[in-house]
C-alpha cells in the first residue's frame, strides 16, 4: 500500500519520502508504526544525534522513535494524512486525511495537528 522512494520535497542527505502504491480512501488506516519509547529525561542524549529531528512526543512523560515507515513521512502544512497515537498497541496509526491517489507522496503536519501552521522547530535555528 505504501513504499519509500526519492522525494522531490526533501533536500536532505537521503531525499526519501513515503508514497502510495494504490489509491487510499479518506479515513483509511494505511500504516501502523511500532514505537520504541523512552522517558523524556533521556531525550538529552537523543538530542546529540540525528534522531532528535525524528522523535515524536509520546504522551506527557515519554518520547518515541517510530519504526516501519513512521519516521520517513515528509511535512506539509496541507497534509493528506494524519496520525493517532495508539497507546494500547504501542503504535502510531497513520490515516488518509483526504483521498490519496496511487503515486502521491504521503505527507503529515510535523506539528501534530492538521491545521497547525506554527514554524517547525528545525527552521527556528
PDB file of N, CA and C in Angstrom:
ATOM      1  N   UNK A   1       0.815  -1.194   0.000  1.00  0.00           N
ATOM      2  CA  UNK A   1       0.000   0.000   0.000  1.00  0.00           C
ATOM      3  C   UNK A   1       0.866   1.269   0.000  1.00  0.00           C
ATOM      4  N   UNK A   2       2.052   1.186   0.640  1.00  0.00           N
ATOM      5  CA  UNK A   2       2.972   2.329   0.653  1.00  0.00           C
ATOM      6  C   UNK A   2       4.388   1.843   0.387  1.00  0.00           C
ATOM      7  N   UNK A   3       5.216   2.755  -0.099  1.00  0.00           N
ATOM      8  CA  UNK A   3       6.611   2.441  -0.358  1.00  0.00           C
ATOM      9  C   UNK A   3       7.458   3.684  -0.171  1.00  0.00           C
ATOM     10  N   UNK A   4       8.743   3.481   0.033  1.00  0.00           N
ATOM     11  CA  UNK A   4       9.695   4.577   0.175  1.00  0.00           C
ATOM     12  C   UNK A   4      10.372   4.793  -1.167  1.00  0.00           C
ATOM     13  N   UNK A   5      10.392   6.055  -1.610  1.00  0.00           N
ATOM     14  CA  UNK A   5      11.044   6.428  -2.860  1.00  0.00           C
ATOM     15  C   UNK A   5      11.731   7.779  -2.662  1.00  0.00           C
ATOM     16  N   UNK A   6      12.466   8.198  -3.666  1.00  0.00           N
ATOM     17  CA  UNK A   6      13.083   9.523  -3.658  1.00  0.00           C
ATOM     18  C   UNK A   6      11.969  10.569  -3.707  1.00  0.00           C
ATOM     19  N   UNK A   7      12.059  11.561  -2.835  1.00  0.00           N
ATOM     20  CA  UNK A   7      11.050  12.612  -2.764  1.00  0.00           C
ATOM     21  C   UNK A   7      11.581  13.914  -3.357  1.00  0.00           C
ATOM     22  N   UNK A   8      10.786  14.574  -4.187  1.00  0.00           N
ATOM     23  CA  UNK A   8      11.196  15.884  -4.687  1.00  0.00           C
ATOM     24  C   UNK A   8      11.102  16.972  -3.615  1.00  0.00           C
ATOM     25  N   UNK A   9      10.451  16.673  -2.501  1.00  0.00           N
ATOM     26  CA  UNK A   9      10.272  17.658  -1.427  1.00  0.00           C
ATOM     27  C   UNK A   9      11.433  17.696  -0.457  1.00  0.00           C
ATOM     28  N   UNK A  10      12.191  16.627  -0.392  1.00  0.00           N
ATOM     29  CA  UNK A  10      13.247  16.503   0.594  1.00  0.00           C
ATOM     30  C   UNK A  10      14.589  16.881  -0.015  1.00  0.00           C
ATOM     31  N   UNK A  11      15.324  17.721   0.677  1.00  0.00           N
ATOM     32  CA  UNK A  11      16.648  18.098   0.183  1.00  0.00           C
ATOM     33  C   UNK A  11      17.744  17.651   1.141  1.00  0.00           C
ATOM     34  N   UNK A  12      17.404  16.735   2.023  1.00  0.00           N
ATOM     35  CA  UNK A  12      18.383  16.229   2.971  1.00  0.00           C
ATOM     36  C   UNK A  12      19.292  15.202   2.337  1.00  0.00           C
ATOM     37  N   UNK A  13      20.067  14.578   3.154  1.00  0.00           N
ATOM     38  CA  UNK A  13      21.049  13.606   2.680  1.00  0.00           C
ATOM     39  C   UNK A  13      20.395  12.409   1.985  1.00  0.00           C
ATOM     40  N   UNK A  14      19.216  12.002   2.464  1.00  0.00           N
ATOM     41  CA  UNK A  14      18.600  10.776   1.955  1.00  0.00           C
ATOM     42  C   UNK A  14      17.514  11.029   0.912  1.00  0.00           C
ATOM     43  N   UNK A  15      16.878  12.198   0.920  1.00  0.00           N
ATOM     44  CA  UNK A  15      15.858  12.571  -0.062  1.00  0.00           C
ATOM     45  C   UNK A  15      14.740  11.539  -0.186  1.00  0.00           C
ATOM     46  N   UNK A  16      14.287  11.018   0.929  1.00  0.00           N
ATOM     47  CA  UNK A  16      13.261   9.978   0.909  1.00  0.00           C
ATOM     48  C   UNK A  16      11.898  10.526   1.276  1.00  0.00           C
ATOM     49  N   UNK A  17      10.891   9.790   0.864  1.00  0.00           N
ATOM     50  CA  UNK A  17       9.521  10.063   1.247  1.00  0.00           C
ATOM     51  C   UNK A  17       8.720   8.786   1.127  1.00  0.00           C
ATOM     52  N   UNK A  18       7.486   8.822   1.626  1.00  0.00           N
ATOM     53  CA  UNK A  18       6.594   7.667   1.571  1.00  0.00           C
ATOM     54  C   UNK A  18       5.515   7.963   0.539  1.00  0.00           C
ATOM     55  N   UNK A  19       5.277   7.000  -0.348  1.00  0.00           N
ATOM     56  CA  UNK A  19       4.346   7.168  -1.452  1.00  0.00           C
ATOM     57  C   UNK A  19       3.307   6.060  -1.454  1.00  0.00           C
ATOM     58  N   UNK A  20       2.114   6.405  -1.910  1.00  0.00           N
ATOM     59  CA  UNK A  20       1.034   5.426  -2.044  1.00  0.00           C
ATOM     60  C   UNK A  20       1.279   4.562  -3.273  1.00  0.00           C
ATOM     61  N   UNK A  21       1.113   3.250  -3.132  1.00  0.00           N
ATOM     62  CA  UNK A  21       1.233   2.340  -4.276  1.00  0.00           C
ATOM     63  C   UNK A  21      -0.135   2.001  -4.865  1.00  0.00           C
ATOM     64  N   UNK A  22      -1.198   2.436  -4.173  1.00  0.00           N
ATOM     65  CA  UNK A  22      -2.561   2.251  -4.646  1.00  0.00           C
ATOM     66  C   UNK A  22      -3.386   3.407  -4.091  1.00  0.00           C
ATOM     67  N   UNK A  23      -4.597   3.586  -4.566  1.00  0.00           N
ATOM     68  CA  UNK A  23      -5.468   4.624  -4.024  1.00  0.00           C
ATOM     69  C   UNK A  23      -5.798   4.298  -2.571  1.00  0.00           C
ATOM     70  N   UNK A  24      -5.787   5.328  -1.734  1.00  0.00           N
ATOM     71  CA  UNK A  24      -6.114   5.185  -0.315  1.00  0.00           C
ATOM     72  C   UNK A  24      -7.268   6.135  -0.033  1.00  0.00           C
ATOM     73  N   UNK A  25      -8.353   5.614   0.468  1.00  0.00           N
ATOM     74  CA  UNK A  25      -9.554   6.417   0.722  1.00  0.00           C
ATOM     75  C   UNK A  25      -9.429   7.221   2.009  1.00  0.00           C
ATOM     76  N   UNK A  26     -10.051   8.392   2.016  1.00  0.00           N
ATOM     77  CA  UNK A  26     -10.101   9.245   3.200  1.00  0.00           C
ATOM     78  C   UNK A  26     -10.540   8.413   4.405  1.00  0.00           C
ATOM     79  N   UNK A  27      -9.790   8.534   5.512  1.00  0.00           N
ATOM     80  CA  UNK A  27     -10.105   7.822   6.738  1.00  0.00           C
ATOM     81  C   UNK A  27      -9.508   6.435   6.845  1.00  0.00           C
ATOM     82  N   UNK A  28      -8.943   5.924   5.765  1.00  0.00           N
ATOM     83  CA  UNK A  28      -8.387   4.570   5.757  1.00  0.00           C
ATOM     84  C   UNK A  28      -7.067   4.512   6.505  1.00  0.00           C
ATOM     85  N   UNK A  29      -6.943   3.527   7.380  1.00  0.00           N
ATOM     86  CA  UNK A  29      -5.675   3.240   8.060  1.00  0.00           C
ATOM     87  C   UNK A  29      -4.742   2.601   7.044  1.00  0.00           C
ATOM     88  N   UNK A  30      -3.552   3.178   6.862  1.00  0.00           N
ATOM     89  CA  UNK A  30      -2.636   2.608   5.880  1.00  0.00           C
ATOM     90  C   UNK A  30      -1.287   2.204   6.463  1.00  0.00           C
ATOM     91  N   UNK A  31      -1.018   2.575   7.717  1.00  0.00           N
ATOM     92  CA  UNK A  31       0.249   2.163   8.328  1.00  0.00           C
ATOM     93  C   UNK A  31       0.152   2.227   9.838  1.00  0.00           C
ATOM     94  N   UNK A  32       0.665   1.194  10.491  1.00  0.00           N
ATOM     95  CA  UNK A  32       0.791   1.164  11.948  1.00  0.00           C
ATOM     96  C   UNK A  32       2.282   1.063  12.258  1.00  0.00           C
ATOM     97  N   UNK A  33       2.837   2.152  12.762  1.00  0.00           N
ATOM     98  CA  UNK A  33       4.274   2.199  13.041  1.00  0.00           C
ATOM     99  C   UNK A  33       4.522   1.830  14.505  1.00  0.00           C
ATOM    100  N   UNK A  34       5.221   0.729  14.758  1.00  0.00           N
ATOM    101  CA  UNK A  34       5.560   0.362  16.134  1.00  0.00           C
ATOM    102  C   UNK A  34       6.442   1.436  16.783  1.00  0.00           C
ATOM    103  N   UNK A  35       6.351   1.514  18.100  1.00  0.00           N
ATOM    104  CA  UNK A  35       7.014   2.568  18.870  1.00  0.00           C
ATOM    105  C   UNK A  35       8.097   1.988  19.777  1.00  0.00           C
ATOM    106  N   UNK A  36       9.220   2.680  19.829  1.00  0.00           N
ATOM    107  CA  UNK A  36      10.192   2.482  20.905  1.00  0.00           C
ATOM    108  C   UNK A  36      10.155   3.777  21.698  1.00  0.00           C
ATOM    109  N   UNK A  37       9.679   3.695  22.924  1.00  0.00           N
ATOM    110  CA  UNK A  37       9.555   4.909  23.734  1.00  0.00           C
ATOM    111  C   UNK A  37      10.614   4.940  24.819  1.00  0.00           C
ATOM    112  N   UNK A  38      10.865   6.157  25.288  1.00  0.00           N
ATOM    113  CA  UNK A  38      11.816   6.354  26.376  1.00  0.00           C
ATOM    114  C   UNK A  38      11.377   7.578  27.174  1.00  0.00           C
ATOM    115  N   UNK A  39      11.745   7.652  28.458  1.00  0.00           N
ATOM    116  CA  UNK A  39      11.365   8.795  29.291  1.00  0.00           C
ATOM    117  C   UNK A  39      11.967  10.090  28.760  1.00  0.00           C
ATOM    118  N   UNK A  40      11.228  11.171  28.894  1.00  0.00           N
ATOM    119  CA  UNK A  40      11.684  12.470  28.403  1.00  0.00           C
ATOM    120  C   UNK A  40      13.038  12.885  28.976  1.00  0.00           C
ATOM    121  N   UNK A  41      13.343  12.473  30.202  1.00  0.00           N
ATOM    122  CA  UNK A  41      14.622  12.900  30.788  1.00  0.00           C
ATOM    123  C   UNK A  41      15.818  12.241  30.093  1.00  0.00           C
ATOM    124  N   UNK A  42      15.579  11.267  29.235  1.00  0.00           N
ATOM    125  CA  UNK A  42      16.657  10.656  28.453  1.00  0.00           C
ATOM    126  C   UNK A  42      16.829  11.312  27.090  1.00  0.00           C
ATOM    127  N   UNK A  43      15.911  12.229  26.743  1.00  0.00           N
ATOM    128  CA  UNK A  43      15.950  12.839  25.414  1.00  0.00           C
ATOM    129  C   UNK A  43      17.207  13.686  25.195  1.00  0.00           C
ATOM    130  N   UNK A  44      17.798  14.181  26.267  1.00  0.00           N
ATOM    131  CA  UNK A  44      19.021  14.973  26.122  1.00  0.00           C
ATOM    132  C   UNK A  44      20.107  14.176  25.389  1.00  0.00           C
ATOM    133  N   UNK A  45      20.095  12.864  25.531  1.00  0.00           N
ATOM    134  CA  UNK A  45      21.075  12.026  24.845  1.00  0.00           C
ATOM    135  C   UNK A  45      20.736  11.910  23.352  1.00  0.00           C
ATOM    136  N   UNK A  46      19.459  11.791  23.051  1.00  0.00           N
ATOM    137  CA  UNK A  46      18.998  11.708  21.658  1.00  0.00           C
ATOM    138  C   UNK A  46      19.257  13.033  20.945  1.00  0.00           C
ATOM    139  N   UNK A  47      19.140  14.150  21.669  1.00  0.00           N
ATOM    140  CA  UNK A  47      19.356  15.466  21.057  1.00  0.00           C
ATOM    141  C   UNK A  47      20.769  15.636  20.502  1.00  0.00           C
ATOM    142  N   UNK A  48      21.675  14.807  20.926  1.00  0.00           N
ATOM    143  CA  UNK A  48      23.055  14.863  20.428  1.00  0.00           C
ATOM    144  C   UNK A  48      23.206  14.105  19.109  1.00  0.00           C
ATOM    145  N   UNK A  49      22.109  13.522  18.619  1.00  0.00           N
ATOM    146  CA  UNK A  49      22.167  12.702  17.414  1.00  0.00           C
ATOM    147  C   UNK A  49      21.178  13.212  16.365  1.00  0.00           C
ATOM    148  N   UNK A  50      21.294  12.673  15.183  1.00  0.00           N
ATOM    149  CA  UNK A  50      20.372  12.974  14.088  1.00  0.00           C
ATOM    150  C   UNK A  50      18.943  12.555  14.417  1.00  0.00           C
ATOM    151  N   UNK A  51      18.776  11.580  15.293  1.00  0.00           N
ATOM    152  CA  UNK A  51      17.443  11.083  15.643  1.00  0.00           C
ATOM    153  C   UNK A  51      16.567  12.146  16.307  1.00  0.00           C
ATOM    154  N   UNK A  52      17.174  13.187  16.852  1.00  0.00           N
ATOM    155  CA  UNK A  52      16.397  14.222  17.540  1.00  0.00           C
ATOM    156  C   UNK A  52      15.339  14.838  16.629  1.00  0.00           C
ATOM    157  N   UNK A  53      15.642  15.002  15.350  1.00  0.00           N
ATOM    158  CA  UNK A  53      14.675  15.588  14.418  1.00  0.00           C
ATOM    159  C   UNK A  53      13.593  14.608  13.997  1.00  0.00           C
ATOM    160  N   UNK A  54      13.711  13.363  14.396  1.00  0.00           N
ATOM    161  CA  UNK A  54      12.742  12.342  14.002  1.00  0.00           C
ATOM    162  C   UNK A  54      11.890  11.844  15.166  1.00  0.00           C
ATOM    163  N   UNK A  55      12.158  12.291  16.367  1.00  0.00           N
ATOM    164  CA  UNK A  55      11.433  11.817  17.547  1.00  0.00           C
ATOM    165  C   UNK A  55      10.047  12.455  17.625  1.00  0.00           C
ATOM    166  N   UNK A  56       9.105  11.719  18.180  1.00  0.00           N
ATOM    167  CA  UNK A  56       7.726  12.168  18.354  1.00  0.00           C
ATOM    168  C   UNK A  56       7.398  12.239  19.838  1.00  0.00           C
ATOM    169  N   UNK A  57       6.543  13.178  20.212  1.00  0.00           N
ATOM    170  CA  UNK A  57       6.020  13.184  21.580  1.00  0.00           C
ATOM    171  C   UNK A  57       5.153  11.942  21.743  1.00  0.00           C
ATOM    172  N   UNK A  58       5.273  11.305  22.906  1.00  0.00           N
ATOM    173  CA  UNK A  58       4.519  10.079  23.171  1.00  0.00           C
ATOM    174  C   UNK A  58       3.917  10.184  24.564  1.00  0.00           C
ATOM    175  N   UNK A  59       2.819  10.906  24.642  1.00  0.00           N
ATOM    176  CA  UNK A  59       2.212  11.179  25.930  1.00  0.00           C
ATOM    177  C   UNK A  59       2.952  12.298  26.629  1.00  0.00           C
ATOM    178  N   UNK A  60       2.687  12.467  27.901  1.00  0.00           N
ATOM    179  CA  UNK A  60       3.248  13.590  28.663  1.00  0.00           C
ATOM    180  C   UNK A  60       4.700  13.349  29.063  1.00  0.00           C
ATOM    181  N   UNK A  61       5.030  12.120  29.417  1.00  0.00           N
ATOM    182  CA  UNK A  61       6.333  11.846  30.016  1.00  0.00           C
ATOM    183  C   UNK A  61       7.310  11.086  29.135  1.00  0.00           C
ATOM    184  N   UNK A  62       6.919  10.800  27.896  1.00  0.00           N
ATOM    185  CA  UNK A  62       7.772   9.983  27.037  1.00  0.00           C
ATOM    186  C   UNK A  62       7.919  10.582  25.644  1.00  0.00           C
ATOM    187  N   UNK A  63       8.965  10.151  24.988  1.00  0.00           N
ATOM    188  CA  UNK A  63       9.236  10.471  23.598  1.00  0.00           C
ATOM    189  C   UNK A  63       9.353   9.137  22.875  1.00  0.00           C
ATOM    190  N   UNK A  64       9.133   9.152  21.551  1.00  0.00           N
ATOM    191  CA  UNK A  64       9.146   7.885  20.818  1.00  0.00           C
ATOM    192  C   UNK A  64       9.942   7.990  19.530  1.00  0.00           C
ATOM    193  N   UNK A  65      10.593   6.911  19.228  1.00  0.00           N
ATOM    194  CA  UNK A  65      11.183   6.679  17.920  1.00  0.00           C
ATOM    195  C   UNK A  65      10.240   5.688  17.240  1.00  0.00           C
ATOM    196  N   UNK A  66       9.846   6.004  16.003  1.00  0.00           N
ATOM    197  CA  UNK A  66       8.907   5.147  15.296  1.00  0.00           C
ATOM    198  C   UNK A  66       9.656   4.212  14.359  1.00  0.00           C
ATOM    199  N   UNK A  67       9.177   2.999  14.286  1.00  0.00           N
ATOM    200  CA  UNK A  67       9.728   2.010  13.367  1.00  0.00           C
ATOM    201  C   UNK A  67       8.856   1.970  12.112  1.00  0.00           C
ATOM    202  N   UNK A  68       9.109   1.011  11.258  1.00  0.00           N
ATOM    203  CA  UNK A  68       8.384   0.966   9.992  1.00  0.00           C
ATOM    204  C   UNK A  68       8.703   2.217   9.193  1.00  0.00           C
ATOM    205  N   UNK A  69       7.698   2.761   8.528  1.00  0.00           N
ATOM    206  CA  UNK A  69       7.891   3.989   7.746  1.00  0.00           C
ATOM    207  C   UNK A  69       7.594   5.241   8.567  1.00  0.00           C
ATOM    208  N   UNK A  70       7.330   5.077   9.844  1.00  0.00           N
ATOM    209  CA  UNK A  70       6.851   6.169  10.680  1.00  0.00           C
ATOM    210  C   UNK A  70       7.684   7.434  10.671  1.00  0.00           C
ATOM    211  N   UNK A  71       9.002   7.301  10.585  1.00  0.00           N
ATOM    212  CA  UNK A  71       9.864   8.485  10.636  1.00  0.00           C
ATOM    213  C   UNK A  71      10.226   9.000   9.252  1.00  0.00           C
ATOM    214  N   UNK A  72       9.630   8.444   8.201  1.00  0.00           N
ATOM    215  CA  UNK A  72      10.015   8.810   6.851  1.00  0.00           C
ATOM    216  C   UNK A  72       8.998   9.687   6.119  1.00  0.00           C
ATOM    217  N   UNK A  73       7.864   9.963   6.751  1.00  0.00           N
ATOM    218  CA  UNK A  73       6.881  10.841   6.131  1.00  0.00           C
ATOM    219  C   UNK A  73       7.406  12.275   6.135  1.00  0.00           C
ATOM    220  N   UNK A  74       7.250  12.972   5.023  1.00  0.00           N
ATOM    221  CA  UNK A  74       7.659  14.370   4.947  1.00  0.00           C
ATOM    222  C   UNK A  74       6.531  15.280   5.413  1.00  0.00           C
ATOM    223  N   UNK A  75       6.899  16.528   5.673  1.00  0.00           N
ATOM    224  CA  UNK A  75       5.990  17.527   6.243  1.00  0.00           C
ATOM    225  C   UNK A  75       5.263  18.333   5.172  1.00  0.00           C
ATOM    226  N   UNK A  76       4.029  18.701   5.504  1.00  0.00           N
ATOM    227  CA  UNK A  76       3.282  19.690   4.733  1.00  0.00           C
ATOM    228  C   UNK A  76       2.320  20.400   5.670  1.00  0.00           C
ATOM    229  N   UNK A  77       2.126  21.705   5.440  1.00  0.00           N
ATOM    230  CA  UNK A  77       1.088  22.433   6.169  1.00  0.00           C
ATOM    231  C   UNK A  77      -0.287  22.137   5.578  1.00  0.00           C
ATOM    232  N   UNK A  78      -0.322  21.432   4.450  1.00  0.00           N
ATOM    233  CA  UNK A  78      -1.563  20.952   3.847  1.00  0.00           C
ATOM    234  C   UNK A  78      -1.429  19.442   3.638  1.00  0.00           C
ATOM    235  N   UNK A  79      -1.379  18.692   4.742  1.00  0.00           N
ATOM    236  CA  UNK A  79      -1.107  17.252   4.666  1.00  0.00           C
ATOM    237  C   UNK A  79      -2.279  16.474   4.066  1.00  0.00           C
ATOM    238  N   UNK A  80      -1.952  15.311   3.523  1.00  0.00           N
ATOM    239  CA  UNK A  80      -3.002  14.419   3.051  1.00  0.00           C
ATOM    240  C   UNK A  80      -3.187  13.235   3.999  1.00  0.00           C
ATOM    241  N   UNK A  81      -2.428  13.225   5.097  1.00  0.00           N
ATOM    242  CA  UNK A  81      -2.526  12.150   6.081  1.00  0.00           C
ATOM    243  C   UNK A  81      -2.386  12.724   7.490  1.00  0.00           C
ATOM    244  N   UNK A  82      -2.854  11.954   8.429  1.00  0.00           N
ATOM    245  CA  UNK A  82      -2.775  12.324   9.842  1.00  0.00           C
ATOM    246  C   UNK A  82      -2.447  11.048  10.617  1.00  0.00           C
ATOM    247  N   UNK A  83      -2.124  11.214  11.881  1.00  0.00           N
ATOM    248  CA  UNK A  83      -1.824  10.043  12.699  1.00  0.00           C
ATOM    249  C   UNK A  83      -2.441  10.190  14.079  1.00  0.00           C
ATOM    250  N   UNK A  84      -2.664   9.057  14.698  1.00  0.00           N
ATOM    251  CA  UNK A  84      -3.147   8.993  16.074  1.00  0.00           C
ATOM    252  C   UNK A  84      -2.223   8.068  16.841  1.00  0.00           C
ATOM    253  N   UNK A  85      -1.965   8.403  18.084  1.00  0.00           N
ATOM    254  CA  UNK A  85      -1.162   7.531  18.931  1.00  0.00           C
ATOM    255  C   UNK A  85      -2.075   6.443  19.489  1.00  0.00           C
ATOM    256  N   UNK A  86      -1.681   5.203  19.315  1.00  0.00           N
ATOM    257  CA  UNK A  86      -2.431   4.077  19.845  1.00  0.00           C
ATOM    258  C   UNK A  86      -1.613   3.501  21.002  1.00  0.00           C
ATOM    259  N   UNK A  87      -1.887   4.003  22.200  1.00  0.00           N
ATOM    260  CA  UNK A  87      -1.109   3.591  23.366  1.00  0.00           C
ATOM    261  C   UNK A  87      -1.322   2.113  23.697  1.00  0.00           C
ATOM    262  N   UNK A  88      -2.521   1.593  23.424  1.00  0.00           N
ATOM    263  CA  UNK A  88      -2.789   0.180  23.723  1.00  0.00           C
ATOM    264  C   UNK A  88      -1.906  -0.748  22.901  1.00  0.00           C
ATOM    265  N   UNK A  89      -1.695  -0.402  21.632  1.00  0.00           N
ATOM    266  CA  UNK A  89      -0.884  -1.237  20.744  1.00  0.00           C
ATOM    267  C   UNK A  89       0.560  -0.765  20.627  1.00  0.00           C
ATOM    268  N   UNK A  90       0.878   0.375  21.253  1.00  0.00           N
ATOM    269  CA  UNK A  90       2.204   0.986  21.155  1.00  0.00           C
ATOM    270  C   UNK A  90       2.581   1.229  19.695  1.00  0.00           C
ATOM    271  N   UNK A  91       1.658   1.899  18.987  1.00  0.00           N
ATOM    272  CA  UNK A  91       1.875   2.250  17.589  1.00  0.00           C
ATOM    273  C   UNK A  91       1.409   3.678  17.333  1.00  0.00           C
ATOM    274  N   UNK A  92       1.920   4.249  16.265  1.00  0.00           N
ATOM    275  CA  UNK A  92       1.357   5.460  15.688  1.00  0.00           C
ATOM    276  C   UNK A  92       0.596   4.980  14.458  1.00  0.00           C
ATOM    277  N   UNK A  93      -0.695   5.251  14.415  1.00  0.00           N
ATOM    278  CA  UNK A  93      -1.553   4.786  13.335  1.00  0.00           C
ATOM    279  C   UNK A  93      -1.770   5.923  12.351  1.00  0.00           C
ATOM    280  N   UNK A  94      -1.419   5.694  11.098  1.00  0.00           N
ATOM    281  CA  UNK A  94      -1.497   6.710  10.060  1.00  0.00           C
ATOM    282  C   UNK A  94      -2.726   6.473   9.194  1.00  0.00           C
ATOM    283  N   UNK A  95      -3.504   7.556   8.993  1.00  0.00           N
ATOM    284  CA  UNK A  95      -4.754   7.520   8.254  1.00  0.00           C
ATOM    285  C   UNK A  95      -4.721   8.542   7.124  1.00  0.00           C
ATOM    286  N   UNK A  96      -5.443   8.253   6.053  1.00  0.00           N
ATOM    287  CA  UNK A  96      -5.600   9.239   4.984  1.00  0.00           C
ATOM    288  C   UNK A  96      -6.540  10.336   5.469  1.00  0.00           C
ATOM    289  N   UNK A  97      -6.106  11.570   5.398  1.00  0.00           N
ATOM    290  CA  UNK A  97      -6.922  12.727   5.780  1.00  0.00           C
ATOM    291  C   UNK A  97      -7.859  13.114   4.629  1.00  0.00           C
ATOM    292  N   UNK A  98      -7.402  12.868   3.426  1.00  0.00           N
ATOM    293  CA  UNK A  98      -8.176  13.053   2.194  1.00  0.00           C
ATOM    294  C   UNK A  98      -7.906  11.823   1.331  1.00  0.00           C
ATOM    295  N   UNK A  99      -8.647  11.677   0.242  1.00  0.00           N
ATOM    296  CA  UNK A  99      -8.331  10.598  -0.696  1.00  0.00           C
ATOM    297  C   UNK A  99      -6.918  10.812  -1.231  1.00  0.00           C
ATOM    298  N   UNK A 100      -6.136   9.755  -1.250  1.00  0.00           N
ATOM    299  CA  UNK A 100      -4.760   9.803  -1.750  1.00  0.00           C
ATOM    300  C   UNK A 100      -4.694   8.897  -2.974  1.00  0.00           C
ATOM    301  N   UNK A 101      -4.172   9.421  -4.050  1.00  0.00           N
ATOM    302  CA  UNK A 101      -4.058   8.657  -5.293  1.00  0.00           C
ATOM    303  C   UNK A 101      -2.752   7.862  -5.324  1.00  0.00           C
ATOM    304  N   UNK A 102      -2.778   6.728  -6.005  1.00  0.00           N
ATOM    305  CA  UNK A 102      -1.566   5.935  -6.216  1.00  0.00           C
ATOM    306  C   UNK A 102      -0.494   6.833  -6.821  1.00  0.00           C
ATOM    307  N   UNK A 103       0.709   6.769  -6.273  1.00  0.00           N
ATOM    308  CA  UNK A 103       1.822   7.588  -6.747  1.00  0.00           C
ATOM    309  C   UNK A 103       2.023   8.874  -5.977  1.00  0.00           C
ATOM    310  N   UNK A 104       1.004   9.327  -5.218  1.00  0.00           N
ATOM    311  CA  UNK A 104       1.129  10.559  -4.429  1.00  0.00           C
ATOM    312  C   UNK A 104       2.049  10.337  -3.236  1.00  0.00           C
ATOM    313  N   UNK A 105       2.821  11.374  -2.917  1.00  0.00           N
ATOM    314  CA  UNK A 105       3.596  11.320  -1.679  1.00  0.00           C
ATOM    315  C   UNK A 105       2.647  11.555  -0.515  1.00  0.00           C
ATOM    316  N   UNK A 106       2.843  10.787   0.550  1.00  0.00           N
ATOM    317  CA  UNK A 106       2.006  10.906   1.742  1.00  0.00           C
ATOM    318  C   UNK A 106       2.698  11.859   2.700  1.00  0.00           C
ATOM    319  N   UNK A 107       1.975  12.906   3.102  1.00  0.00           N
ATOM    320  CA  UNK A 107       2.543  13.991   3.905  1.00  0.00           C
ATOM    321  C   UNK A 107       1.749  14.183   5.184  1.00  0.00           C
ATOM    322  N   UNK A 108       2.468  14.475   6.260  1.00  0.00           N
ATOM    323  CA  UNK A 108       1.843  14.782   7.549  1.00  0.00           C
ATOM    324  C   UNK A 108       2.293  16.166   7.991  1.00  0.00           C
ATOM    325  N   UNK A 109       1.571  16.750   8.935  1.00  0.00           N
ATOM    326  CA  UNK A 109       1.989  18.007   9.552  1.00  0.00           C
ATOM    327  C   UNK A 109       2.842  17.656  10.759  1.00  0.00           C
ATOM    328  N   UNK A 110       4.103  18.049  10.726  1.00  0.00           N
ATOM    329  CA  UNK A 110       5.018  17.724  11.818  1.00  0.00           C
ATOM    330  C   UNK A 110       4.612  18.353  13.149  1.00  0.00           C
ATOM    331  N   UNK A 111       3.755  19.351  13.121  1.00  0.00           N
ATOM    332  CA  UNK A 111       3.308  19.971  14.363  1.00  0.00           C
ATOM    333  C   UNK A 111       2.294  19.106  15.105  1.00  0.00           C
ATOM    334  N   UNK A 112       1.862  18.008  14.494  1.00  0.00           N
ATOM    335  CA  UNK A 112       0.990  17.065  15.185  1.00  0.00           C
ATOM    336  C   UNK A 112      -0.491  17.326  15.026  1.00  0.00           C
ATOM    337  N   UNK A 113      -0.855  18.451  14.467  1.00  0.00           N
ATOM    338  CA  UNK A 113      -2.257  18.774  14.230  1.00  0.00           C
ATOM    339  C   UNK A 113      -2.392  19.235  12.791  1.00  0.00           C
ATOM    340  N   UNK A 114      -3.422  18.779  12.123  1.00  0.00           N
ATOM    341  CA  UNK A 114      -3.622  19.049  10.696  1.00  0.00           C
ATOM    342  C   UNK A 114      -3.495  20.525  10.354  1.00  0.00           C
ATOM    343  N   UNK A 115      -4.121  21.392  11.145  1.00  0.00           N
ATOM    344  CA  UNK A 115      -4.186  22.817  10.787  1.00  0.00           C
ATOM    345  C   UNK A 115      -3.195  23.699  11.545  1.00  0.00           C
ATOM    346  N   UNK A 116      -2.223  23.123  12.216  1.00  0.00           N
ATOM    347  CA  UNK A 116      -1.236  23.894  12.974  1.00  0.00           C
ATOM    348  C   UNK A 116      -0.170  24.429  12.014  1.00  0.00           C
ATOM    349  N   UNK A 117      -0.114  25.753  11.876  1.00  0.00           N
ATOM    350  CA  UNK A 117       0.817  26.400  10.938  1.00  0.00           C
ATOM    351  C   UNK A 117       2.047  26.986  11.643  1.00  0.00           C
ATOM    352  N   UNK A 118       2.289  26.588  12.887  1.00  0.00           N
ATOM    353  CA  UNK A 118       3.450  27.096  13.609  1.00  0.00           C
ATOM    354  C   UNK A 118       4.735  26.749  12.865  1.00  0.00           C
ATOM    355  N   UNK A 119       5.718  27.615  13.007  1.00  0.00           N
ATOM    356  CA  UNK A 119       7.017  27.352  12.409  1.00  0.00           C
ATOM    357  C   UNK A 119       7.593  26.065  12.996  1.00  0.00           C
ATOM    358  N   UNK A 120       8.209  25.263  12.167  1.00  0.00           N
ATOM    359  CA  UNK A 120       8.781  24.000  12.632  1.00  0.00           C
ATOM    360  C   UNK A 120      10.055  24.251  13.436  1.00  0.00           C
ATOM    361  N   UNK A 121      10.306  23.393  14.428  1.00  0.00           N
ATOM    362  CA  UNK A 121      11.434  23.550  15.343  1.00  0.00           C
ATOM    363  C   UNK A 121      12.761  23.632  14.602  1.00  0.00           C
ATOM    364  N   UNK A 122      12.942  22.902  13.530  1.00  0.00           N
ATOM    365  CA  UNK A 122      14.247  22.905  12.856  1.00  0.00           C
ATOM    366  C   UNK A 122      14.434  24.104  11.945  1.00  0.00           C
ATOM    367  N   UNK A 123      13.386  24.909  11.755  1.00  0.00           N
ATOM    368  CA  UNK A 123      13.518  26.153  10.995  1.00  0.00           C
ATOM    369  C   UNK A 123      13.773  27.361  11.907  1.00  0.00           C
ATOM    370  N   UNK A 124      13.658  27.163  13.209  1.00  0.00           N
ATOM    371  CA  UNK A 124      13.820  28.261  14.172  1.00  0.00           C
ATOM    372  C   UNK A 124      15.274  28.570  14.458  1.00  0.00           C
ATOM    373  N   UNK A 125      16.162  27.654  14.138  1.00  0.00           N
ATOM    374  CA  UNK A 125      17.574  27.837  14.472  1.00  0.00           C
ATOM    375  C   UNK A 125      18.289  28.704  13.471  1.00  0.00           C
TER     376      UNK A 125
END
